[in-house]
C-alpha cells in the first residue's frame, strides 16, 4: 500500500512540475515579445 501511495505522490508531483514548466515557458514567451 505504501508503494502505491508513493506512486500517487510522484504522479501529483510530476503533474505540478509540468504545470510550473508550462507557466515558465509562457512567461518567457511573453517577455520576449
Protein backbone atom coordinates (compact mmCIF):
# COMPACT_ATOMS: atom_id res chain seq x y z
CA UNK A 1 0.00 0.00 0.00
CA UNK A 2 2.84 2.35 0.85
CA UNK A 3 4.33 1.73 -2.57
CA UNK A 4 1.05 2.68 -4.25
CA UNK A 5 0.75 5.93 -2.32
CA UNK A 6 4.33 6.82 -3.21
CA UNK A 7 3.45 6.34 -6.89
CA UNK A 8 0.48 8.68 -6.48
CA UNK A 9 2.71 11.22 -4.72
CA UNK A 10 5.21 11.03 -7.57
CA UNK A 11 2.42 11.45 -10.11
CA UNK A 12 0.97 14.54 -8.42
CA UNK A 13 4.47 15.96 -8.01
CA UNK A 14 5.19 15.31 -11.70
CA UNK A 15 1.94 16.99 -12.75
CA UNK A 16 2.78 20.02 -10.61
CA UNK A 17 6.21 20.31 -12.21
CA UNK A 18 4.68 20.10 -15.69
CA UNK A 19 2.29 22.95 -14.87
CA UNK A 20 5.12 25.05 -13.45
CA UNK A 21 7.26 24.47 -16.53
CA UNK A 22 4.36 25.46 -18.79
CA UNK A 23 3.79 28.71 -16.89
CA UNK A 24 7.51 29.49 -17.05
CA UNK A 25 7.56 28.93 -20.81
CA UNK A 26 4.57 31.23 -21.28
CA UNK A 27 6.21 33.90 -19.12
CA UNK A 28 9.42 33.74 -21.17
CA UNK A 29 7.48 33.98 -24.43
CA UNK A 30 5.52 36.98 -23.15
CA UNK A 31 8.71 38.75 -22.08
CA UNK A 32 10.36 38.02 -25.43
CA UNK A 33 7.51 39.67 -27.31
